[in-house]
Amino acid sequence: MPETRLDTPTIASKFSREQEHLLALQSMQTLETYYQWSYDLFKPFIGRRILDAGCGFGNFTAIARKNAEYILAVDSSSKNIQLLKDRFRESAVVEIAQLDLESDNEFLRAKHIDTIVCLDVLEHVYDDVALLERFFKTVQTGGHLLVKVPACKWLFGSIDVASGHNRRYIPQELRIKAERAGWETIKAHYMNIAGVFPYWLRSRVLRKEVNFSRTFKPWQLMAIRRVVPILKILDQIIGPPIGQSAILIARKPTKRNSD
């Protein structure tokens, strides 16, 4: 697919920690099983024309493209865009666009998007409800919004600050904000109870001032890859009362015309 580039004056100012962010994404790129976990949670609600909003290195896009007709993978980092171009150069399904999600992007409506995926992005934006409203206007009627964000406000600490997070969430807050933006909530729940203690230890006790994924050594990342299938089963069994992340699945109702 052709590359789309939108130069936005505010993009550069949002990347004072860009190098740290890129190093964190490189670490996460090795955790294919973790992105597969997210994909499996969302799979029943993923359509054929997808917007991967704030896609990073495109780890979710790489999984979703197998069953998609079209994916628009967008990010505001010029360095990410170059990596995405290299990664998906041979893909007939994936289009790359550089844009600032917090700006109006009218061109997205012409893409006939039926699914918006937004993984670990809302916590970075200043006005998350405004972004949810933009998503609502972008997606086709009856389409879905699939969100993952950092969870549990009491976990907020040094790692969140180093990662550029403005907040952490609880599922109820996600539901309220999405519904304020016009969405109809299908599910809102916690994910990854096993990640709570390691995050609390590193961010609240040890006060590490780096992105969470960069606090793990290579052997620890390898161990995480191996135990993710077990963690998925654990979450399914106990229906976690807390979690390192929160998940939202919402739908644009057919009875409301917001356009």
C-alpha atoms as a PDB file:
ATOM      1  CA  MET A   1       0.000   0.000   0.000  1.00  0.00           C
ATOM      2  CA  PRO A   2       1.200   3.599  -0.553  1.00  0.00           C
ATOM      3  CA  GLU A   3       2.592   5.535   2.383  1.00  0.00           C
ATOM      4  CA  THR A   4       0.662   8.548   3.652  1.00  0.00           C
ATOM      5  CA  ARG A   5       2.594  11.222   5.528  1.00  0.00           C
ATOM      6  CA  LEU A   6       0.903  14.045   7.371  1.00  0.00           C
ATOM      7  CA  ASP A   7       3.255  16.631   8.834  1.00  0.00           C
ATOM      8  CA  THR A   8       1.787  18.020  12.042  1.00  0.00           C
ATOM      9  CA  PRO A   9       3.563  20.865  13.906  1.00  0.00           C
ATOM     10  CA  THR A  10       2.844  19.337  17.318  1.00  0.00           C
ATOM     11  CA  ILE A  11       4.407  15.942  16.632  1.00  0.00           C
ATOM     12  CA  ALA A  12       8.014  16.769  17.526  1.00  0.00           C
ATOM     13  CA  SER A  13       7.101  18.339  20.867  1.00  0.00           C
ATOM     14  CA  LYS A  14       5.560  15.057  22.043  1.00  0.00           C
ATOM     15  CA  PHE A  15       8.753  13.046  21.755  1.00  0.00           C
ATOM     16  CA  SER A  16      11.132  14.431  24.361  1.00  0.00           C
ATOM     17  CA  ARG A  17      11.605  10.794  25.466  1.00  0.00           C
ATOM     18  CA  GLU A  18      11.478   9.303  21.975  1.00  0.00           C
ATOM     19  CA  GLN A  19      14.726   7.315  22.246  1.00  0.00           C
ATOM     20  CA  GLU A  20      13.573   5.740  25.509  1.00  0.00           C
ATOM     21  CA  HIS A  21      10.225   4.966  23.901  1.00  0.00           C
ATOM     22  CA  LEU A  22      11.882   3.303  20.913  1.00  0.00           C
ATOM     23  CA  LEU A  23      14.082   1.134  23.116  1.00  0.00           C
ATOM     24  CA  ALA A  24      11.003   0.036  25.042  1.00  0.00           C
ATOM     25  CA  LEU A  25       9.224  -0.878  21.815  1.00  0.00           C
ATOM     26  CA  GLN A  26      12.232  -2.927  20.751  1.00  0.00           C
ATOM     27  CA  SER A  27      11.939  -4.930  23.971  1.00  0.00           C
ATOM     28  CA  MET A  28       8.199  -5.432  23.476  1.00  0.00           C
ATOM     29  CA  GLN A  29       8.755  -6.578  19.895  1.00  0.00           C
ATOM     30  CA  THR A  30      10.119  -9.834  21.291  1.00  0.00           C
ATOM     31  CA  LEU A  31       6.885 -10.528  23.189  1.00  0.00           C
ATOM     32  CA  GLU A  32       4.834 -11.852  20.295  1.00  0.00           C
ATOM     33  CA  THR A  33       2.768 -14.017  22.643  1.00  0.00           C
ATOM     34  CA  TYR A  34       1.683 -10.951  24.633  1.00  0.00           C
ATOM     35  CA  TYR A  35       0.362  -9.198  21.514  1.00  0.00           C
ATOM     36  CA  GLN A  36      -1.324 -12.435  20.497  1.00  0.00           C
ATOM     37  CA  TRP A  37      -3.041 -12.440  23.899  1.00  0.00           C
ATOM     38  CA  SER A  38      -4.444  -8.967  23.176  1.00  0.00           C
ATOM     39  CA  TYR A  39      -5.492 -10.039  19.698  1.00  0.00           C
ATOM     40  CA  ASP A  40      -7.293 -13.111  21.034  1.00  0.00           C
ATOM     41  CA  LEU A  41      -9.246 -10.983  23.520  1.00  0.00           C
ATOM     42  CA  PHE A  42     -10.393  -8.687  20.717  1.00  0.00           C
ATOM     43  CA  LYS A  43     -10.717 -11.208  17.880  1.00  0.00           C
ATOM     44  CA  PRO A  44     -14.541 -11.642  17.914  1.00  0.00           C
ATOM     45  CA  PHE A  45     -14.917  -7.882  17.422  1.00  0.00           C
ATOM     46  CA  ILE A  46     -12.220  -7.233  14.817  1.00  0.00           C
ATOM     47  CA  GLY A  47     -13.598  -6.359  11.409  1.00  0.00           C
ATOM     48  CA  ARG A  48     -11.974  -6.235   7.990  1.00  0.00           C
ATOM     49  CA  ARG A  49     -10.838  -2.594   7.790  1.00  0.00           C
ATOM     50  CA  ILE A  50      -8.733  -1.653  10.804  1.00  0.00           C
ATOM     51  CA  LEU A  51      -7.138   1.505  12.167  1.00  0.00           C
ATOM     52  CA  ASP A  52      -4.203   0.647  14.439  1.00  0.00           C
ATOM     53  CA  ALA A  53      -4.052   3.978  16.260  1.00  0.00           C
ATOM     54  CA  GLY A  54      -0.614   4.636  17.755  1.00  0.00           C
ATOM     55  CA  CYS A  55       0.772   1.374  16.402  1.00  0.00           C
ATOM     56  CA  GLY A  56       4.401   1.721  17.558  1.00  0.00           C
ATOM     57  CA  PHE A  57       6.459  -0.908  15.712  1.00  0.00           C
ATOM     58  CA  GLY A  58       3.316  -2.536  14.320  1.00  0.00           C
ATOM     59  CA  ASN A  59       3.360  -5.645  16.512  1.00  0.00           C
ATOM     60  CA  PHE A  60      -0.434  -5.858  16.646  1.00  0.00           C
ATOM     61  CA  THR A  61      -0.719  -4.984  12.953  1.00  0.00           C
ATOM     62  CA  ALA A  62       1.587  -7.889  12.092  1.00  0.00           C
ATOM     63  CA  ILE A  63      -0.864 -10.303  13.718  1.00  0.00           C
ATOM     64  CA  ALA A  64      -4.110  -8.668  12.578  1.00  0.00           C
ATOM     65  CA  ARG A  65      -3.140  -8.355   8.898  1.00  0.00           C
ATOM     66  CA  LYS A  66      -3.498 -12.116   8.439  1.00  0.00           C
ATOM     67  CA  ASN A  67      -7.302 -11.792   8.517  1.00  0.00           C
ATOM     68  CA  ALA A  68      -7.742  -8.171   7.431  1.00  0.00           C
ATOM     69  CA  GLU A  69      -8.729  -6.611   4.149  1.00  0.00           C
ATOM     70  CA  TYR A  70      -6.982  -3.335   5.017  1.00  0.00           C
ATOM     71  CA  ILE A  71      -5.043  -1.930   7.967  1.00  0.00           C
ATOM     72  CA  LEU A  72      -4.062   1.707   8.390  1.00  0.00           C
ATOM     73  CA  ALA A  73      -1.166   1.711  10.857  1.00  0.00           C
ATOM     74  CA  VAL A  74      -0.552   5.202  12.225  1.00  0.00           C
ATOM     75  CA  ASP A  75       2.002   6.691  14.587  1.00  0.00           C
ATOM     76  CA  SER A  76       3.321  10.176  15.299  1.00  0.00           C
ATOM     77  CA  SER A  77       7.019   9.217  15.517  1.00  0.00           C
ATOM     78  CA  SER A  78       9.009   9.669  12.296  1.00  0.00           C
ATOM     79  CA  LYS A  79      11.434   6.978  13.498  1.00  0.00           C
ATOM     80  CA  ASN A  80       8.575   4.532  13.993  1.00  0.00           C
ATOM     81  CA  ILE A  81       7.246   5.389  10.547  1.00  0.00           C
ATOM     82  CA  GLN A  82      10.558   4.449   8.932  1.00  0.00           C
ATOM     83  CA  LEU A  83      10.632   1.150  10.799  1.00  0.00           C
ATOM     84  CA  LEU A  84       7.017   0.466   9.809  1.00  0.00           C
ATOM     85  CA  LYS A  85       7.792   1.188   6.147  1.00  0.00           C
ATOM     86  CA  ASP A  86      10.632  -1.328   6.263  1.00  0.00           C
ATOM     87  CA  ARG A  87       8.618  -3.946   8.137  1.00  0.00           C
ATOM     88  CA  PHE A  88       5.531  -3.841   5.903  1.00  0.00           C
ATOM     89  CA  ARG A  89       7.177  -2.932   2.595  1.00  0.00           C
ATOM     90  CA  GLU A  90       5.911  -6.098   0.909  1.00  0.00           C
ATOM     91  CA  SER A  91       2.402  -6.005   2.390  1.00  0.00           C
ATOM     92  CA  ALA A  92      -0.569  -5.392   0.125  1.00  0.00           C
ATOM     93  CA  VAL A  93      -2.822  -4.955   3.168  1.00  0.00           C
ATOM     94  CA  VAL A  94      -1.013  -2.438   5.385  1.00  0.00           C
ATOM     95  CA  GLU A  95      -0.846   1.308   4.744  1.00  0.00           C
ATOM     96  CA  ILE A  96       1.408   3.527   6.870  1.00  0.00           C
ATOM     97  CA  ALA A  97       0.519   7.079   7.929  1.00  0.00           C
ATOM     98  CA  GLN A  98       2.268   9.564  10.189  1.00  0.00           C
ATOM     99  CA  LEU A  99      -0.218  11.671  12.095  1.00  0.00           C
ATOM    100  CA  ASP A 100      -1.025  13.175  15.453  1.00  0.00           C
ATOM    101  CA  LEU A 101      -4.105  11.452  16.866  1.00  0.00           C
ATOM    102  CA  GLU A 102      -4.933  14.523  18.946  1.00  0.00           C
ATOM    103  CA  SER A 103      -5.476  16.599  15.809  1.00  0.00           C
ATOM    104  CA  ASP A 104      -8.515  16.382  13.557  1.00  0.00           C
ATOM    105  CA  ASN A 105      -7.917  13.905  10.758  1.00  0.00           C
ATOM    106  CA  GLU A 106     -10.842  14.158   8.401  1.00  0.00           C
ATOM    107  CA  PHE A 107      -9.134  11.975   5.783  1.00  0.00           C
ATOM    108  CA  LEU A 108      -9.685   8.925   8.029  1.00  0.00           C
ATOM    109  CA  ARG A 109     -13.418   8.920   7.325  1.00  0.00           C
ATOM    110  CA  ALA A 110     -12.792   8.094   3.684  1.00  0.00           C
ATOM    111  CA  LYS A 111     -10.998   4.892   4.707  1.00  0.00           C
ATOM    112  CA  HIS A 112     -14.266   3.158   5.740  1.00  0.00           C
ATOM    113  CA  ILE A 113     -12.763   1.919   8.997  1.00  0.00           C
ATOM    114  CA  ASP A 114     -14.907  -0.637  10.861  1.00  0.00           C
ATOM    115  CA  THR A 115     -12.496  -1.331  13.736  1.00  0.00           C
ATOM    116  CA  ILE A 116     -10.233   0.975  15.744  1.00  0.00           C
ATOM    117  CA  VAL A 117      -7.507  -0.647  17.829  1.00  0.00           C
ATOM    118  CA  CYS A 118      -5.832   1.596  20.410  1.00  0.00           C
ATOM    119  CA  LEU A 119      -3.264  -0.195  22.548  1.00  0.00           C
ATOM    120  CA  ASP A 120      -1.506   1.690  25.357  1.00  0.00           C
ATOM    121  CA  VAL A 121      -2.140   5.106  23.820  1.00  0.00           C
ATOM    122  CA  LEU A 122      -4.992   6.810  25.707  1.00  0.00           C
ATOM    123  CA  GLU A 123      -2.848   7.230  28.814  1.00  0.00           C
ATOM    124  CA  HIS A 124      -0.428   9.408  26.831  1.00  0.00           C
ATOM    125  CA  VAL A 125      -2.943  11.964  25.509  1.00  0.00           C
ATOM    126  CA  TYR A 126      -4.039  15.056  27.396  1.00  0.00           C
ATOM    127  CA  ASP A 127      -7.775  14.819  26.611  1.00  0.00           C
ATOM    128  CA  ASP A 128      -8.689  11.154  26.302  1.00  0.00           C
ATOM    129  CA  VAL A 129     -12.433  11.810  25.923  1.00  0.00           C
ATOM    130  CA  ALA A 130     -11.766  14.099  22.958  1.00  0.00           C
ATOM    131  CA  LEU A 131      -9.740  11.338  21.313  1.00  0.00           C
ATOM    132  CA  LEU A 132     -12.533   8.840  21.940  1.00  0.00           C
ATOM    133  CA  GLU A 133     -14.916  11.298  20.275  1.00  0.00           C
ATOM    134  CA  ARG A 134     -12.613  11.546  17.231  1.00  0.00           C
ATOM    135  CA  PHE A 135     -12.533   7.769  17.027  1.00  0.00           C
ATOM    136  CA  PHE A 136     -16.335   7.720  17.193  1.00  0.00           C
ATOM    137  CA  LYS A 137     -16.584  10.034  14.205  1.00  0.00           C
ATOM    138  CA  THR A 138     -14.009   7.989  12.292  1.00  0.00           C
ATOM    139  CA  VAL A 139     -15.452   4.478  12.526  1.00  0.00           C
ATOM    140  CA  GLN A 140     -18.390   3.183  10.497  1.00  0.00           C
ATOM    141  CA  THR A 141     -21.754   2.813  12.215  1.00  0.00           C
ATOM    142  CA  GLY A 142     -21.844  -0.561  13.952  1.00  0.00           C
ATOM    143  CA  GLY A 143     -18.036  -0.647  14.084  1.00  0.00           C
ATOM    144  CA  HIS A 144     -15.933  -1.391  17.146  1.00  0.00           C
ATOM    145  CA  LEU A 145     -13.392   0.319  19.387  1.00  0.00           C
ATOM    146  CA  LEU A 146     -10.823  -1.953  21.047  1.00  0.00           C
ATOM    147  CA  VAL A 147      -8.719  -0.356  23.783  1.00  0.00           C
ATOM    148  CA  LYS A 148      -5.986  -1.480  26.170  1.00  0.00           C
ATOM    149  CA  VAL A 149      -4.562   0.889  28.797  1.00  0.00           C
ATOM    150  CA  PRO A 150      -2.483   0.722  32.001  1.00  0.00           C
ATOM    151  CA  ALA A 151      -4.734  -0.099  34.953  1.00  0.00           C
ATOM    152  CA  CYS A 152      -5.037   0.526  38.706  1.00  0.00           C
ATOM    153  CA  LYS A 153      -4.495   4.150  39.696  1.00  0.00           C
ATOM    154  CA  TRP A 154      -2.574   3.130  42.824  1.00  0.00           C
ATOM    155  CA  LEU A 155       0.128   1.599  40.600  1.00  0.00           C
ATOM    156  CA  PHE A 156       1.009   4.996  39.130  1.00  0.00           C
ATOM    157  CA  GLY A 157       4.673   5.661  39.865  1.00  0.00           C
ATOM    158  CA  SER A 158       8.130   6.371  38.490  1.00  0.00           C
ATOM    159  CA  ILE A 159       7.748   4.061  35.488  1.00  0.00           C
ATOM    160  CA  ASP A 160       4.567   5.832  34.428  1.00  0.00           C
ATOM    161  CA  VAL A 161       6.328   9.177  34.628  1.00  0.00           C
ATOM    162  CA  ALA A 162       9.287   7.865  32.621  1.00  0.00           C
ATOM    163  CA  SER A 163       6.865   6.412  30.045  1.00  0.00           C
ATOM    164  CA  GLY A 164       4.982   9.684  29.572  1.00  0.00           C
ATOM    165  CA  HIS A 165       1.738   8.428  31.112  1.00  0.00           C
ATOM    166  CA  ASN A 166      -0.789  11.010  32.250  1.00  0.00           C
ATOM    167  CA  ARG A 167      -2.937   8.496  34.096  1.00  0.00           C
ATOM    168  CA  ARG A 168      -3.822   4.872  34.782  1.00  0.00           C
ATOM    169  CA  TYR A 169      -7.397   3.595  34.548  1.00  0.00           C
ATOM    170  CA  ILE A 170     -10.018   1.373  36.086  1.00  0.00           C
ATOM    171  CA  PRO A 171     -12.527  -0.387  33.783  1.00  0.00           C
ATOM    172  CA  GLN A 172     -15.452   1.668  35.079  1.00  0.00           C
ATOM    173  CA  GLU A 173     -13.659   4.902  34.144  1.00  0.00           C
ATOM    174  CA  LEU A 174     -12.991   3.581  30.641  1.00  0.00           C
ATOM    175  CA  ARG A 175     -16.677   2.698  30.299  1.00  0.00           C
ATOM    176  CA  ILE A 176     -17.843   6.123  31.474  1.00  0.00           C
ATOM    177  CA  LYS A 177     -15.471   8.041  29.214  1.00  0.00           C
ATOM    178  CA  ALA A 178     -16.294   5.923  26.180  1.00  0.00           C
ATOM    179  CA  GLU A 179     -20.029   6.330  26.718  1.00  0.00           C
ATOM    180  CA  ARG A 180     -19.581  10.071  27.148  1.00  0.00           C
ATOM    181  CA  ALA A 181     -18.007  10.051  23.684  1.00  0.00           C
ATOM    182  CA  GLY A 182     -21.008   8.179  22.255  1.00  0.00           C
ATOM    183  CA  TRP A 183     -19.786   4.582  22.372  1.00  0.00           C
ATOM    184  CA  GLU A 184     -21.859   1.647  23.582  1.00  0.00           C
ATOM    185  CA  THR A 185     -19.804  -0.502  25.959  1.00  0.00           C
ATOM    186  CA  ILE A 186     -19.741  -4.240  25.324  1.00  0.00           C
ATOM    187  CA  LYS A 187     -17.028  -5.232  27.802  1.00  0.00           C
ATOM    188  CA  ALA A 188     -14.705  -3.466  30.229  1.00  0.00           C
ATOM    189  CA  HIS A 189     -12.438  -5.532  32.464  1.00  0.00           C
ATOM    190  CA  TYR A 190      -8.947  -6.032  33.853  1.00  0.00           C
ATOM    191  CA  MET A 191      -6.193  -8.006  32.126  1.00  0.00           C
ATOM    192  CA  ASN A 192      -2.959  -9.605  33.395  1.00  0.00           C
ATOM    193  CA  ILE A 193      -3.280  -9.938  37.166  1.00  0.00           C
ATOM    194  CA  ALA A 194       0.183 -11.550  37.261  1.00  0.00           C
ATOM    195  CA  GLY A 195       1.798  -8.328  36.064  1.00  0.00           C
ATOM    196  CA  VAL A 196       0.544  -6.246  38.995  1.00  0.00           C
ATOM    197  CA  PHE A 197       3.161  -7.210  41.583  1.00  0.00           C
ATOM    198  CA  PRO A 198       6.229  -6.858  39.296  1.00  0.00           C
ATOM    199  CA  TYR A 199       4.984  -3.438  38.183  1.00  0.00           C
ATOM    200  CA  TRP A 200       4.270  -2.302  41.761  1.00  0.00           C
ATOM    201  CA  LEU A 201       7.709  -3.482  42.871  1.00  0.00           C
ATOM    202  CA  ARG A 202       9.614  -1.726  40.088  1.00  0.00           C
ATOM    203  CA  SER A 203       7.561   1.474  39.928  1.00  0.00           C
ATOM    204  CA  ARG A 204       6.401   2.089  43.500  1.00  0.00           C
ATOM    205  CA  VAL A 205       9.101   0.403  45.605  1.00  0.00           C
ATOM    206  CA  LEU A 206      12.319   0.408  43.553  1.00  0.00           C
ATOM    207  CA  ARG A 207      11.199   3.581  41.717  1.00  0.00           C
ATOM    208  CA  LYS A 208      12.908   2.704  38.458  1.00  0.00           C
ATOM    209  CA  GLU A 209      12.796   5.634  36.047  1.00  0.00           C
ATOM    210  CA  VAL A 210      12.531   3.725  32.764  1.00  0.00           C
ATOM    211  CA  ASN A 211       9.778   2.215  30.660  1.00  0.00           C
ATOM    212  CA  PHE A 212       8.484  -0.995  32.290  1.00  0.00           C
ATOM    213  CA  SER A 213       9.572  -3.271  29.427  1.00  0.00           C
ATOM    214  CA  ARG A 214      13.135  -2.009  29.815  1.00  0.00           C
ATOM    215  CA  THR A 215      13.311  -3.180  33.429  1.00  0.00           C
ATOM    216  CA  PHE A 216      13.499  -6.796  32.267  1.00  0.00           C
ATOM    217  CA  LYS A 217      16.677  -8.614  31.291  1.00  0.00           C
ATOM    218  CA  PRO A 218      16.693 -10.757  28.095  1.00  0.00           C
ATOM    219  CA  TRP A 219      16.264 -13.979  30.066  1.00  0.00           C
ATOM    220  CA  GLN A 220      13.275 -12.493  31.874  1.00  0.00           C
ATOM    221  CA  LEU A 221      11.647 -11.501  28.576  1.00  0.00           C
ATOM    222  CA  MET A 222      12.181 -15.066  27.374  1.00  0.00           C
ATOM    223  CA  ALA A 223      10.511 -16.377  30.525  1.00  0.00           C
ATOM    224  CA  ILE A 224       7.561 -14.018  30.028  1.00  0.00           C
ATOM    225  CA  ARG A 225       7.073 -15.308  26.483  1.00  0.00           C
ATOM    226  CA  ARG A 226       6.834 -18.827  27.832  1.00  0.00           C
ATOM    227  CA  VAL A 227       4.393 -18.110  30.665  1.00  0.00           C
ATOM    228  CA  VAL A 228       1.960 -15.833  28.782  1.00  0.00           C
ATOM    229  CA  PRO A 229      -0.238 -18.803  27.746  1.00  0.00           C
ATOM    230  CA  ILE A 230      -0.507 -19.726  31.432  1.00  0.00           C
ATOM    231  CA  LEU A 231      -1.317 -16.134  32.367  1.00  0.00           C
ATOM    232  CA  LYS A 232      -4.112 -16.083  29.768  1.00  0.00           C
ATOM    233  CA  ILE A 233      -5.670 -19.175  31.333  1.00  0.00           C
ATOM    234  CA  LEU A 234      -5.282 -17.703  34.822  1.00  0.00           C
ATOM    235  CA  ASP A 235      -7.140 -14.552  33.772  1.00  0.00           C
ATOM    236  CA  GLN A 236      -9.915 -16.614  32.173  1.00  0.00           C
ATOM    237  CA  ILE A 237     -10.387 -18.714  35.292  1.00  0.00           C
ATOM    238  CA  ILE A 238     -10.425 -16.011  37.955  1.00  0.00           C
ATOM    239  CA  GLY A 239     -11.863 -13.085  35.964  1.00  0.00           C
ATOM    240  CA  PRO A 240      -9.193 -10.807  37.495  1.00  0.00           C
ATOM    241  CA  PRO A 241     -10.400  -8.280  40.108  1.00  0.00           C
ATOM    242  CA  ILE A 242      -7.278  -6.239  39.330  1.00  0.00           C
ATOM    243  CA  GLY A 243      -4.762  -6.239  36.504  1.00  0.00           C
ATOM    244  CA  GLN A 244      -1.769  -4.460  35.040  1.00  0.00           C
ATOM    245  CA  SER A 245      -3.982  -3.449  32.105  1.00  0.00           C
ATOM    246  CA  ALA A 246      -7.634  -2.663  31.465  1.00  0.00           C
ATOM    247  CA  ILE A 247      -9.558  -3.664  28.351  1.00  0.00           C
ATOM    248  CA  LEU A 248     -12.472  -1.874  26.699  1.00  0.00           C
ATOM    249  CA  ILE A 249     -14.579  -3.256  23.862  1.00  0.00           C
ATOM    250  CA  ALA A 250     -17.179  -0.798  22.581  1.00  0.00           C
ATOM    251  CA  ARG A 251     -19.469  -0.364  19.593  1.00  0.00           C
ATOM    252  CA  LYS A 252     -20.738   2.607  17.623  1.00  0.00           C
ATOM    253  CA  PRO A 253     -24.503   2.197  17.938  1.00  0.00           C
ATOM    254  CA  THR A 254     -26.592   2.057  14.798  1.00  0.00           C
ATOM    255  CA  LYS A 255     -29.341   4.314  16.168  1.00  0.00           C
ATOM    256  CA  ARG A 256     -27.164   7.388  16.606  1.00  0.00           C
ATOM    257  CA  ASN A 257     -25.883   9.445  13.709  1.00  0.00           C
ATOM    258  CA  SER A 258     -22.934  11.472  15.000  1.00  0.00           C
ATOM    259  CA  ASP A 259     -21.494  12.445  11.623  1.00  0.00           C
END
